[in-house]
C-alpha atoms as a PDB file:
ATOM      1  CA  MET A   1     -96.951 -12.353  81.952  1.00  0.00           C
ATOM      2  CA  SER A   2     -94.398  -9.570  82.350  1.00  0.00           C
ATOM      3  CA  THR A   3     -90.820  -9.703  83.534  1.00  0.00           C
ATOM      4  CA  PRO A   4     -89.729  -7.247  86.219  1.00  0.00           C
ATOM      5  CA  SER A   5     -87.215  -4.697  84.966  1.00  0.00           C
ATOM      6  CA  GLU A   6     -83.563  -5.363  85.780  1.00  0.00           C
ATOM      7  CA  LYS A   7     -81.852  -3.128  88.342  1.00  0.00           C
ATOM      8  CA  THR A   8     -78.436  -4.671  88.835  1.00  0.00           C
ATOM      9  CA  PHE A   9     -76.898  -3.944  85.446  1.00  0.00           C
ATOM     10  CA  ARG A  10     -78.749  -0.635  85.267  1.00  0.00           C
ATOM     11  CA  ALA A  11     -76.621   0.585  88.169  1.00  0.00           C
ATOM     12  CA  TYR A  12     -73.325  -0.338  86.484  1.00  0.00           C
ATOM     13  CA  THR A  13     -70.624   2.310  86.142  1.00  0.00           C
ATOM     14  CA  GLN A  14     -68.567   2.781  82.992  1.00  0.00           C
ATOM     15  CA  THR A  15     -65.740   0.808  84.582  1.00  0.00           C
ATOM     16  CA  GLN A  16     -68.057  -2.094  85.373  1.00  0.00           C
ATOM     17  CA  GLY A  17     -69.390  -1.948  81.801  1.00  0.00           C
ATOM     18  CA  GLU A  18     -65.886  -2.151  80.381  1.00  0.00           C
ATOM     19  CA  THR A  19     -65.037  -5.097  82.647  1.00  0.00           C
ATOM     20  CA  TYR A  20     -68.260  -6.791  81.524  1.00  0.00           C
ATOM     21  CA  ALA A  21     -67.173  -6.364  77.899  1.00  0.00           C
ATOM     22  CA  GLN A  22     -63.787  -7.902  78.571  1.00  0.00           C
ATOM     23  CA  THR A  23     -65.071 -10.967  80.385  1.00  0.00           C
ATOM     24  CA  ARG A  24     -68.290 -11.878  78.572  1.00  0.00           C
ATOM     25  CA  LEU A  25     -68.117 -14.183  75.583  1.00  0.00           C
ATOM     26  CA  THR A  26     -68.716 -12.834  72.098  1.00  0.00           C
ATOM     27  CA  TYR A  27     -71.004 -14.455  69.538  1.00  0.00           C
ATOM     28  CA  HIS A  28     -70.060 -16.686  66.599  1.00  0.00           C
ATOM     29  CA  PRO A  29     -70.376 -15.334  63.056  1.00  0.00           C
ATOM     30  CA  SER A  30     -72.795 -18.168  62.252  1.00  0.00           C
ATOM     31  CA  LEU A  31     -75.284 -16.728  64.729  1.00  0.00           C
ATOM     32  CA  TYR A  32     -75.131 -13.320  63.108  1.00  0.00           C
ATOM     33  CA  ASN A  33     -75.346 -14.899  59.645  1.00  0.00           C
ATOM     34  CA  THR A  34     -78.433 -16.863  60.672  1.00  0.00           C
ATOM     35  CA  ILE A  35     -80.123 -13.656  61.839  1.00  0.00           C
ATOM     36  CA  LEU A  36     -79.185 -11.619  58.762  1.00  0.00           C
ATOM     37  CA  THR A  37     -80.051 -14.370  56.285  1.00  0.00           C
ATOM     38  CA  HIS A  38     -83.458 -14.996  57.795  1.00  0.00           C
ATOM     39  CA  HIS A  39     -84.146 -11.228  58.064  1.00  0.00           C
ATOM     40  CA  THR A  40     -83.267 -10.450  54.434  1.00  0.00           C
ATOM     41  CA  THR A  41     -84.827 -13.527  52.841  1.00  0.00           C
ATOM     42  CA  THR A  42     -88.138 -12.767  54.549  1.00  0.00           C
ATOM     43  CA  GLY A  43     -88.349  -9.175  53.255  1.00  0.00           C
ATOM     44  CA  GLY A  44     -86.205  -7.281  55.712  1.00  0.00           C
ATOM     45  CA  ALA A  45     -84.028  -4.381  54.601  1.00  0.00           C
ATOM     46  CA  LEU A  46     -80.596  -3.326  55.892  1.00  0.00           C
ATOM     47  CA  ASP A  47     -80.966   0.378  56.571  1.00  0.00           C
ATOM     48  CA  THR A  48     -81.431   0.735  60.348  1.00  0.00           C
ATOM     49  CA  ILE A  49     -80.824  -1.609  63.279  1.00  0.00           C
ATOM     50  CA  ILE A  50     -81.544  -1.043  66.984  1.00  0.00           C
ATOM     51  CA  ASP A  51     -79.864  -3.244  69.590  1.00  0.00           C
ATOM     52  CA  VAL A  52     -81.885  -3.143  72.806  1.00  0.00           C
ATOM     53  CA  GLY A  53     -80.207  -3.770  76.145  1.00  0.00           C
ATOM     54  CA  CYS A  54     -76.959  -3.311  74.213  1.00  0.00           C
ATOM     55  CA  GLY A  55     -74.686  -3.170  77.273  1.00  0.00           C
ATOM     56  CA  PRO A  56     -71.174  -2.270  76.115  1.00  0.00           C
ATOM     57  CA  GLY A  57     -72.189  -2.679  72.464  1.00  0.00           C
ATOM     58  CA  THR A  58     -70.813  -6.126  71.715  1.00  0.00           C
ATOM     59  CA  ALA A  59     -73.546  -7.309  69.333  1.00  0.00           C
ATOM     60  CA  VAL A  60     -74.388  -4.018  67.578  1.00  0.00           C
ATOM     61  CA  ALA A  61     -70.680  -3.400  66.878  1.00  0.00           C
ATOM     62  CA  THR A  62     -70.672  -6.503  64.650  1.00  0.00           C
ATOM     63  CA  LEU A  63     -74.144  -6.166  63.110  1.00  0.00           C
ATOM     64  CA  SER A  64     -73.694  -2.443  62.395  1.00  0.00           C
ATOM     65  CA  GLN A  65     -71.294  -3.324  59.564  1.00  0.00           C
ATOM     66  CA  HIS A  66     -74.302  -4.582  57.548  1.00  0.00           C
ATOM     67  CA  PHE A  67     -76.534  -1.554  58.111  1.00  0.00           C
ATOM     68  CA  ASN A  68     -76.464   2.103  57.156  1.00  0.00           C
ATOM     69  CA  HIS A  69     -77.548   3.273  60.595  1.00  0.00           C
ATOM     70  CA  ALA A  70     -77.103   1.538  63.975  1.00  0.00           C
ATOM     71  CA  ILE A  71     -78.377   2.483  67.428  1.00  0.00           C
ATOM     72  CA  GLY A  72     -77.596   0.858  70.747  1.00  0.00           C
ATOM     73  CA  LEU A  73     -80.060   1.418  73.609  1.00  0.00           C
ATOM     74  CA  ASP A  74     -79.547   0.514  77.280  1.00  0.00           C
ATOM     75  CA  PRO A  75     -81.138   1.794  80.504  1.00  0.00           C
ATOM     76  CA  SER A  76     -77.699   1.972  82.189  1.00  0.00           C
ATOM     77  CA  ALA A  77     -75.828   5.258  81.724  1.00  0.00           C
ATOM     78  CA  GLY A  78     -72.632   3.429  82.723  1.00  0.00           C
ATOM     79  CA  MET A  79     -73.083   0.769  80.075  1.00  0.00           C
ATOM     80  CA  ILE A  80     -73.768   3.426  77.449  1.00  0.00           C
ATOM     81  CA  ALA A  81     -70.642   5.330  78.475  1.00  0.00           C
ATOM     82  CA  ALA A  82     -68.658   2.095  78.127  1.00  0.00           C
ATOM     83  CA  ALA A  83     -70.213   1.390  74.724  1.00  0.00           C
ATOM     84  CA  ARG A  84     -69.342   4.839  73.450  1.00  0.00           C
ATOM     85  CA  ALA A  85     -65.720   4.495  74.641  1.00  0.00           C
ATOM     86  CA  ILE A  86     -65.219   0.982  73.318  1.00  0.00           C
ATOM     87  CA  ASN A  87     -66.886   1.533  69.950  1.00  0.00           C
ATOM     88  CA  ALA A  88     -65.698   5.061  69.119  1.00  0.00           C
ATOM     89  CA  ALA A  89     -63.919   3.831  65.981  1.00  0.00           C
ATOM     90  CA  ASN A  90     -66.607   1.380  64.800  1.00  0.00           C
ATOM     91  CA  LEU A  91     -68.643   2.512  61.812  1.00  0.00           C
ATOM     92  CA  THR A  92     -71.726   1.298  59.933  1.00  0.00           C
ATOM     93  CA  ALA A  93     -71.779   0.176  56.300  1.00  0.00           C
ATOM     94  CA  ALA A  94     -72.439   3.798  55.362  1.00  0.00           C
ATOM     95  CA  SER A  95     -69.468   4.994  57.471  1.00  0.00           C
ATOM     96  CA  HIS A  96     -71.678   6.470  60.203  1.00  0.00           C
ATOM     97  CA  PRO A  97     -70.735   6.086  63.869  1.00  0.00           C
ATOM     98  CA  ILE A  98     -72.918   3.852  66.015  1.00  0.00           C
ATOM     99  CA  ARG A  99     -75.320   5.903  68.100  1.00  0.00           C
ATOM    100  CA  PHE A 100     -75.594   4.888  71.772  1.00  0.00           C
ATOM    101  CA  GLU A 101     -78.368   6.276  73.938  1.00  0.00           C
ATOM    102  CA  VAL A 102     -79.868   5.663  77.386  1.00  0.00           C
ATOM    103  CA  SER A 103     -83.345   4.185  76.978  1.00  0.00           C
ATOM    104  CA  THR A 104     -85.374   1.282  78.281  1.00  0.00           C
ATOM    105  CA  ALA A 105     -86.547  -1.540  76.055  1.00  0.00           C
ATOM    106  CA  GLU A 106     -90.097  -0.565  76.831  1.00  0.00           C
ATOM    107  CA  ASP A 107     -89.602   3.009  75.572  1.00  0.00           C
ATOM    108  CA  LEU A 108     -87.406   2.036  72.593  1.00  0.00           C
ATOM    109  CA  GLY A 109     -86.081   5.563  72.350  1.00  0.00           C
ATOM    110  CA  SER A 110     -89.445   7.304  72.453  1.00  0.00           C
ATOM    111  CA  GLY A 111     -88.130   9.872  74.915  1.00  0.00           C
ATOM    112  CA  LEU A 112     -84.897  10.709  73.099  1.00  0.00           C
ATOM    113  CA  SER A 113     -84.277  14.233  71.990  1.00  0.00           C
ATOM    114  CA  ALA A 114     -83.875  14.917  68.276  1.00  0.00           C
ATOM    115  CA  PRO A 115     -83.027  12.967  66.287  1.00  0.00           C
ATOM    116  CA  GLY A 116     -85.403  10.513  67.838  1.00  0.00           C
ATOM    117  CA  ILE A 117     -86.515   7.176  66.414  1.00  0.00           C
ATOM    118  CA  PRO A 118     -89.467   7.778  64.098  1.00  0.00           C
ATOM    119  CA  ASP A 119     -92.331   5.321  63.744  1.00  0.00           C
ATOM    120  CA  ALA A 120     -91.876   2.646  61.044  1.00  0.00           C
ATOM    121  CA  SER A 121     -88.170   3.533  60.610  1.00  0.00           C
ATOM    122  CA  VAL A 122     -86.335   0.417  61.864  1.00  0.00           C
ATOM    123  CA  ASP A 123     -85.541  -2.733  59.903  1.00  0.00           C
ATOM    124  CA  LEU A 124     -84.137  -4.999  62.624  1.00  0.00           C
ATOM    125  CA  ILE A 125     -84.408  -4.965  66.432  1.00  0.00           C
ATOM    126  CA  THR A 126     -82.018  -7.225  68.308  1.00  0.00           C
ATOM    127  CA  ALA A 127     -81.679  -8.178  71.982  1.00  0.00           C
ATOM    128  CA  ALA A 128     -78.614 -10.204  72.930  1.00  0.00           C
ATOM    129  CA  THR A 129     -78.898 -11.924  76.352  1.00  0.00           C
ATOM    130  CA  ALA A 130     -81.179  -9.121  77.525  1.00  0.00           C
ATOM    131  CA  ALA A 131     -84.868  -9.851  76.832  1.00  0.00           C
ATOM    132  CA  HIS A 132     -85.322 -11.685  80.121  1.00  0.00           C
ATOM    133  CA  TRP A 133     -85.089  -8.231  81.768  1.00  0.00           C
ATOM    134  CA  PHE A 134     -87.775  -6.615  79.576  1.00  0.00           C
ATOM    135  CA  ASP A 135     -91.418  -6.013  80.382  1.00  0.00           C
ATOM    136  CA  MET A 136     -92.468  -7.748  77.187  1.00  0.00           C
ATOM    137  CA  GLU A 137     -95.954  -6.299  76.596  1.00  0.00           C
ATOM    138  CA  PRO A 138     -94.808  -2.644  76.318  1.00  0.00           C
ATOM    139  CA  PHE A 139     -91.653  -3.810  74.516  1.00  0.00           C
ATOM    140  CA  TRP A 140     -93.720  -5.511  71.789  1.00  0.00           C
ATOM    141  CA  LYS A 141     -95.972  -2.438  71.527  1.00  0.00           C
ATOM    142  CA  SER A 142     -92.954  -0.218  70.974  1.00  0.00           C
ATOM    143  CA  ALA A 143     -91.431  -2.697  68.531  1.00  0.00           C
ATOM    144  CA  ALA A 144     -94.602  -2.701  66.481  1.00  0.00           C
ATOM    145  CA  ARG A 145     -94.488   1.110  66.456  1.00  0.00           C
ATOM    146  CA  VAL A 146     -90.880   1.570  65.247  1.00  0.00           C
ATOM    147  CA  LEU A 147     -90.494  -1.428  62.922  1.00  0.00           C
ATOM    148  CA  LYS A 148     -91.045  -1.122  59.190  1.00  0.00           C
ATOM    149  CA  PRO A 149     -93.419  -3.602  57.566  1.00  0.00           C
ATOM    150  CA  GLY A 150     -91.319  -6.752  56.977  1.00  0.00           C
ATOM    151  CA  GLY A 151     -88.962  -5.817  59.812  1.00  0.00           C
ATOM    152  CA  SER A 152     -87.710  -8.402  62.297  1.00  0.00           C
ATOM    153  CA  VAL A 153     -87.099  -8.795  66.015  1.00  0.00           C
ATOM    154  CA  ALA A 154     -84.237 -11.196  66.799  1.00  0.00           C
ATOM    155  CA  ILE A 155     -83.791 -12.232  70.452  1.00  0.00           C
ATOM    156  CA  TRP A 156     -81.119 -14.644  71.662  1.00  0.00           C
ATOM    157  CA  ALA A 157     -79.331 -15.868  74.771  1.00  0.00           C
ATOM    158  CA  SER A 158     -77.806 -19.011  76.238  1.00  0.00           C
ATOM    159  CA  GLY A 159     -78.821 -21.141  79.173  1.00  0.00           C
ATOM    160  CA  TYR A 160     -76.813 -21.817  82.294  1.00  0.00           C
ATOM    161  CA  ILE A 161     -73.192 -22.768  81.569  1.00  0.00           C
ATOM    162  CA  ARG A 162     -72.410 -26.247  82.838  1.00  0.00           C
ATOM    163  CA  ILE A 163     -69.193 -28.221  83.094  1.00  0.00           C
ATOM    164  CA  HIS A 164     -68.538 -29.943  79.779  1.00  0.00           C
ATOM    165  CA  PRO A 165     -68.949 -33.729  80.153  1.00  0.00           C
ATOM    166  CA  ASP A 166     -65.720 -34.275  78.249  1.00  0.00           C
ATOM    167  CA  MET A 167     -63.730 -32.849  81.190  1.00  0.00           C
ATOM    168  CA  ALA A 168     -61.969 -35.215  83.566  1.00  0.00           C
ATOM    169  CA  ASN A 169     -63.838 -35.322  86.854  1.00  0.00           C
ATOM    170  CA  ALA A 170     -66.749 -33.399  85.294  1.00  0.00           C
ATOM    171  CA  GLU A 171     -69.211 -34.783  87.852  1.00  0.00           C
ATOM    172  CA  ALA A 172     -67.260 -33.509  90.821  1.00  0.00           C
ATOM    173  CA  LEU A 173     -66.768 -30.091  89.228  1.00  0.00           C
ATOM    174  CA  GLN A 174     -70.470 -29.872  88.369  1.00  0.00           C
ATOM    175  CA  GLU A 175     -71.420 -30.777  91.915  1.00  0.00           C
ATOM    176  CA  ILE A 176     -69.307 -27.859  93.177  1.00  0.00           C
ATOM    177  CA  MET A 177     -70.923 -25.467  90.687  1.00  0.00           C
ATOM    178  CA  ASP A 178     -74.431 -26.619  91.609  1.00  0.00           C
ATOM    179  CA  ARG A 179     -73.658 -26.329  95.335  1.00  0.00           C
ATOM    180  CA  PHE A 180     -72.194 -22.855  94.867  1.00  0.00           C
ATOM    181  CA  GLN A 181     -75.404 -21.663  93.250  1.00  0.00           C
ATOM    182  CA  GLU A 182     -77.656 -23.382  95.797  1.00  0.00           C
ATOM    183  CA  GLU A 183     -75.794 -22.235  98.867  1.00  0.00           C
ATOM    184  CA  TYR A 184     -74.822 -18.722  97.846  1.00  0.00           C
ATOM    185  CA  LEU A 185     -76.895 -17.493  94.925  1.00  0.00           C
ATOM    186  CA  ARG A 186     -80.358 -19.103  95.126  1.00  0.00           C
ATOM    187  CA  GLU A 187     -81.956 -16.219  97.023  1.00  0.00           C
ATOM    188  CA  PHE A 188     -80.431 -13.734  94.592  1.00  0.00           C
ATOM    189  CA  PHE A 189     -81.917 -15.253  91.429  1.00  0.00           C
ATOM    190  CA  SER A 190     -84.578 -13.079  89.822  1.00  0.00           C
ATOM    191  CA  PRO A 191     -87.426 -14.187  87.538  1.00  0.00           C
ATOM    192  CA  GLY A 192     -85.266 -13.065  84.595  1.00  0.00           C
ATOM    193  CA  ASN A 193     -82.463 -15.436  85.626  1.00  0.00           C
ATOM    194  CA  LEU A 194     -84.933 -18.289  85.827  1.00  0.00           C
ATOM    195  CA  LEU A 195     -86.380 -17.411  82.417  1.00  0.00           C
ATOM    196  CA  THR A 196     -82.904 -17.750  80.913  1.00  0.00           C
ATOM    197  CA  ARG A 197     -82.356 -21.094  82.616  1.00  0.00           C
ATOM    198  CA  ASP A 198     -85.563 -22.278  80.977  1.00  0.00           C
ATOM    199  CA  LEU A 199     -84.138 -21.250  77.596  1.00  0.00           C
ATOM    200  CA  TYR A 200     -86.817 -18.541  77.081  1.00  0.00           C
ATOM    201  CA  ARG A 201     -89.516 -21.125  76.642  1.00  0.00           C
ATOM    202  CA  GLY A 202     -91.782 -18.898  78.734  1.00  0.00           C
ATOM    203  CA  LEU A 203     -90.774 -15.580  77.132  1.00  0.00           C
ATOM    204  CA  PRO A 204     -94.008 -13.634  76.316  1.00  0.00           C
ATOM    205  CA  LEU A 205     -94.462 -13.170  72.563  1.00  0.00           C
ATOM    206  CA  PRO A 206     -96.771 -10.599  70.830  1.00  0.00           C
ATOM    207  CA  TRP A 207     -99.679 -12.998  70.631  1.00  0.00           C
ATOM    208  CA  THR A 208     -99.272 -14.337  74.196  1.00  0.00           C
ATOM    209  CA  VAL A 209     -99.065 -11.065  76.128  1.00  0.00           C
ATOM    210  CA  GLU A 210    -102.276  -9.498  77.411  1.00  0.00           C
ATOM    211  CA  PRO A 211    -103.580  -7.636  75.600  1.00  0.00           C
ATOM    212  CA  ALA A 212    -102.077  -9.199  72.505  1.00  0.00           C
ATOM    213  CA  VAL A 213     -99.987  -6.869  70.315  1.00  0.00           C
ATOM    214  CA  GLU A 214    -101.163  -6.711  66.741  1.00  0.00           C
ATOM    215  CA  GLY A 215     -98.916  -6.471  63.727  1.00  0.00           C
ATOM    216  CA  PHE A 216     -96.800  -9.552  64.220  1.00  0.00           C
ATOM    217  CA  GLY A 217     -97.516 -12.796  62.381  1.00  0.00           C
ATOM    218  CA  GLU A 218     -97.536 -15.816  64.680  1.00  0.00           C
ATOM    219  CA  GLY A 219     -96.848 -17.973  61.629  1.00  0.00           C
ATOM    220  CA  SER A 220     -93.602 -16.098  61.064  1.00  0.00           C
ATOM    221  CA  PHE A 221     -92.155 -17.102  64.415  1.00  0.00           C
ATOM    222  CA  VAL A 222     -88.886 -19.052  64.171  1.00  0.00           C
ATOM    223  CA  ARG A 223     -86.810 -20.642  66.918  1.00  0.00           C
ATOM    224  CA  LYS A 224     -83.334 -22.104  66.464  1.00  0.00           C
ATOM    225  CA  ASP A 225     -81.321 -23.952  69.131  1.00  0.00           C
ATOM    226  CA  TRP A 226     -77.625 -24.664  69.358  1.00  0.00           C
ATOM    227  CA  GLU A 227     -77.000 -27.707  71.546  1.00  0.00           C
ATOM    228  CA  THR A 228     -73.273 -26.857  71.861  1.00  0.00           C
ATOM    229  CA  ALA A 229     -71.257 -23.674  71.894  1.00  0.00           C
ATOM    230  CA  GLU A 230     -69.332 -24.424  68.698  1.00  0.00           C
ATOM    231  CA  GLU A 231     -71.499 -22.214  66.453  1.00  0.00           C
ATOM    232  CA  PHE A 232     -73.049 -19.953  69.053  1.00  0.00           C
ATOM    233  CA  TYR A 233     -70.012 -18.373  70.753  1.00  0.00           C
ATOM    234  CA  ALA A 234     -66.922 -17.131  68.991  1.00  0.00           C
ATOM    235  CA  GLY A 235     -64.043 -19.494  69.567  1.00  0.00           C
ATOM    236  CA  GLY A 236     -66.309 -22.498  69.879  1.00  0.00           C
ATOM    237  CA  SER A 237     -66.247 -24.333  73.197  1.00  0.00           C
ATOM    238  CA  VAL A 238     -66.050 -22.175  76.298  1.00  0.00           C
ATOM    239  CA  GLU A 239     -62.616 -23.102  77.693  1.00  0.00           C
ATOM    240  CA  VAL A 240     -60.797 -20.696  79.975  1.00  0.00           C
ATOM    241  CA  ASP A 241     -58.253 -20.585  82.796  1.00  0.00           C
ATOM    242  CA  LEU A 242     -59.393 -20.037  86.382  1.00  0.00           C
ATOM    243  CA  ASP A 243     -58.569 -16.332  86.396  1.00  0.00           C
ATOM    244  CA  VAL A 244     -60.864 -15.700  83.420  1.00  0.00           C
ATOM    245  CA  PHE A 245     -63.460 -18.108  84.832  1.00  0.00           C
ATOM    246  CA  GLU A 246     -63.530 -16.216  88.134  1.00  0.00           C
ATOM    247  CA  ARG A 247     -64.025 -12.890  86.317  1.00  0.00           C
ATOM    248  CA  MET A 248     -66.769 -14.336  84.126  1.00  0.00           C
ATOM    249  CA  ILE A 249     -68.679 -15.705  87.127  1.00  0.00           C
ATOM    250  CA  GLY A 250     -68.245 -12.349  88.804  1.00  0.00           C
ATOM    251  CA  THR A 251     -70.324 -10.669  86.050  1.00  0.00           C
ATOM    252  CA  MET A 252     -73.408 -12.780  86.792  1.00  0.00           C
ATOM    253  CA  SER A 253     -76.218 -10.609  88.148  1.00  0.00           C
ATOM    254  CA  PRO A 254     -76.929 -12.908  91.143  1.00  0.00           C
ATOM    255  CA  VAL A 255     -73.238 -12.631  92.088  1.00  0.00           C
ATOM    256  CA  THR A 256     -73.441  -8.852  91.839  1.00  0.00           C
ATOM    257  CA  ARG A 257     -76.475  -8.892  94.142  1.00  0.00           C
ATOM    258  CA  TRP A 258     -74.746 -11.262  96.558  1.00  0.00           C
ATOM    259  CA  ARG A 259     -71.769  -8.912  96.729  1.00  0.00           C
ATOM    260  CA  GLU A 260     -74.024  -5.950  97.325  1.00  0.00           C
ATOM    261  CA  ALA A 261     -75.479  -7.847 100.279  1.00  0.00           C
ATOM    262  CA  HIS A 262     -71.946  -8.589 101.550  1.00  0.00           C
ATOM    263  CA  PRO A 263     -70.057  -5.313 101.109  1.00  0.00           C
ATOM    264  CA  GLY A 264     -66.268  -5.323 101.338  1.00  0.00           C
ATOM    265  CA  VAL A 265     -65.679  -9.016 100.531  1.00  0.00           C
ATOM    266  CA  GLU A 266     -65.267  -8.840  96.736  1.00  0.00           C
ATOM    267  CA  GLY A 267     -61.797 -10.054  95.772  1.00  0.00           C
ATOM    268  CA  THR A 268     -61.085 -11.472  99.232  1.00  0.00           C
ATOM    269  CA  GLU A 269     -61.098 -15.069 100.428  1.00  0.00           C
ATOM    270  CA  GLY A 270     -64.542 -14.381 101.887  1.00  0.00           C
ATOM    271  CA  ASP A 271     -66.005 -13.728  98.430  1.00  0.00           C
ATOM    272  CA  ALA A 272     -68.436 -16.424  97.318  1.00  0.00           C
ATOM    273  CA  VAL A 273     -66.784 -16.604  93.861  1.00  0.00           C
ATOM    274  CA  ARG A 274     -63.336 -16.970  95.406  1.00  0.00           C
ATOM    275  CA  MET A 275     -64.564 -19.769  97.713  1.00  0.00           C
ATOM    276  CA  PHE A 276     -66.104 -21.426  94.621  1.00  0.00           C
ATOM    277  CA  ARG A 277     -62.743 -21.173  92.857  1.00  0.00           C
ATOM    278  CA  ARG A 278     -60.851 -22.702  95.818  1.00  0.00           C
ATOM    279  CA  GLU A 279     -63.140 -25.723  95.744  1.00  0.00           C
ATOM    280  CA  ILE A 280     -62.457 -26.188  92.023  1.00  0.00           C
ATOM    281  CA  GLU A 281     -58.708 -25.864  92.645  1.00  0.00           C
ATOM    282  CA  ARG A 282     -58.972 -28.587  95.286  1.00  0.00           C
ATOM    283  CA  VAL A 283     -60.440 -30.997  92.720  1.00  0.00           C
ATOM    284  CA  PHE A 284     -57.689 -30.156  90.229  1.00  0.00           C
ATOM    285  CA  ARG A 285     -55.017 -30.786  92.917  1.00  0.00           C
ATOM    286  CA  GLU A 286     -56.551 -34.211  93.569  1.00  0.00           C
ATOM    287  CA  MET A 287     -56.346 -34.877  89.818  1.00  0.00           C
ATOM    288  CA  GLY A 288     -52.647 -33.978  89.808  1.00  0.00           C
ATOM    289  CA  VAL A 289     -53.084 -30.794  87.808  1.00  0.00           C
ATOM    290  CA  GLN A 290     -50.492 -28.157  88.649  1.00  0.00           C
ATOM    291  CA  GLN A 291     -51.481 -24.701  89.814  1.00  0.00           C
ATOM    292  CA  GLY A 292     -51.774 -22.345  86.857  1.00  0.00           C
ATOM    293  CA  GLU A 293     -52.531 -25.152  84.424  1.00  0.00           C
ATOM    294  CA  GLU A 294     -56.203 -25.586  85.340  1.00  0.00           C
ATOM    295  CA  ARG A 295     -58.686 -25.094  82.508  1.00  0.00           C
ATOM    296  CA  ILE A 296     -62.469 -25.091  82.756  1.00  0.00           C
ATOM    297  CA  LYS A 297     -64.459 -26.171  79.712  1.00  0.00           C
ATOM    298  CA  GLY A 298     -68.115 -25.213  79.690  1.00  0.00           C
ATOM    299  CA  ALA A 299     -71.144 -26.552  77.829  1.00  0.00           C
ATOM    300  CA  VAL A 300     -73.949 -24.178  76.851  1.00  0.00           C
ATOM    301  CA  HIS A 301     -77.273 -24.300  75.028  1.00  0.00           C
ATOM    302  CA  GLY A 302     -77.800 -21.286  72.803  1.00  0.00           C
ATOM    303  CA  PHE A 303     -81.134 -20.255  71.321  1.00  0.00           C
ATOM    304  CA  LEU A 304     -82.547 -17.658  68.926  1.00  0.00           C
ATOM    305  CA  LEU A 305     -86.123 -16.381  68.512  1.00  0.00           C
ATOM    306  CA  VAL A 306     -87.186 -14.323  65.504  1.00  0.00           C
ATOM    307  CA  VAL A 307     -90.536 -12.590  65.026  1.00  0.00           C
ATOM    308  CA  LYS A 308     -91.553 -10.681  61.895  1.00  0.00           C
ATOM    309  CA  ARG A 309     -93.569  -7.466  61.535  1.00  0.00           C
ATOM    310  CA  GLU A 310     -96.371  -8.090  59.064  1.00  0.00           C
ATOM    311  CA  ALA A 311     -95.767  -6.545  55.639  1.00  0.00           C
END
């Protein structure tokens, strides 16, 4: 099974990439520590990391501090421009700048001009909330080509954010969120969105794609799940005011596609996200919460998949 390539984020401009970086949640140090500890204790080195589907460079900016060389790849020229601007001062453990280049996950830099990415030169490949957009069979082929023996591939994401059950009137708020998605976004969900909702349980792995990709040990496969956000996202529970919540929802790819189908309504009262917000505000008014004091607390399920290149 392959996943169709993503087109929405690929068309992002630098400004959209910078907005994405400001509104998307960052990851908890414990997630990074889990990846690095597993990688190094199973024979992985810390010379070169590639972050695939890097977007504005959020994950690689943190992980690069542990590696001598760091490369972020993304098919979106706008995202890469944003990553270069945002991370201009960020350096690797060897004081090298992070290199950001336009490339698909399937190519993994094979078409880059010198210096390219030589075969068997990479220690760790990461994909943060991105693998559901990859065509996994050619991705695994390319990963097998560039990884050193003992190298790792670490892939992670989170499922659909839901209203935290601890919130007052959580049921009513969840009903609004579910209705918003059903009425406005359902037709704009792609197979990649659905794969994320299923927590990557159906993500093709090297031994399940056809033809199977050799060089990865099925016995090395590790999956870790976080039932709450406390050790998956920085800052713990996802709790934000409605302005931030509206901007976060606005970065969802189905919302972007809905807005493309309804030009001119973004930011107006006819925008689906704005109508969604007004419904939430109505519930808060009924609860006696004053305007400007509303806070949304989300519950997420985070997950990590790690595959090792055979030594």
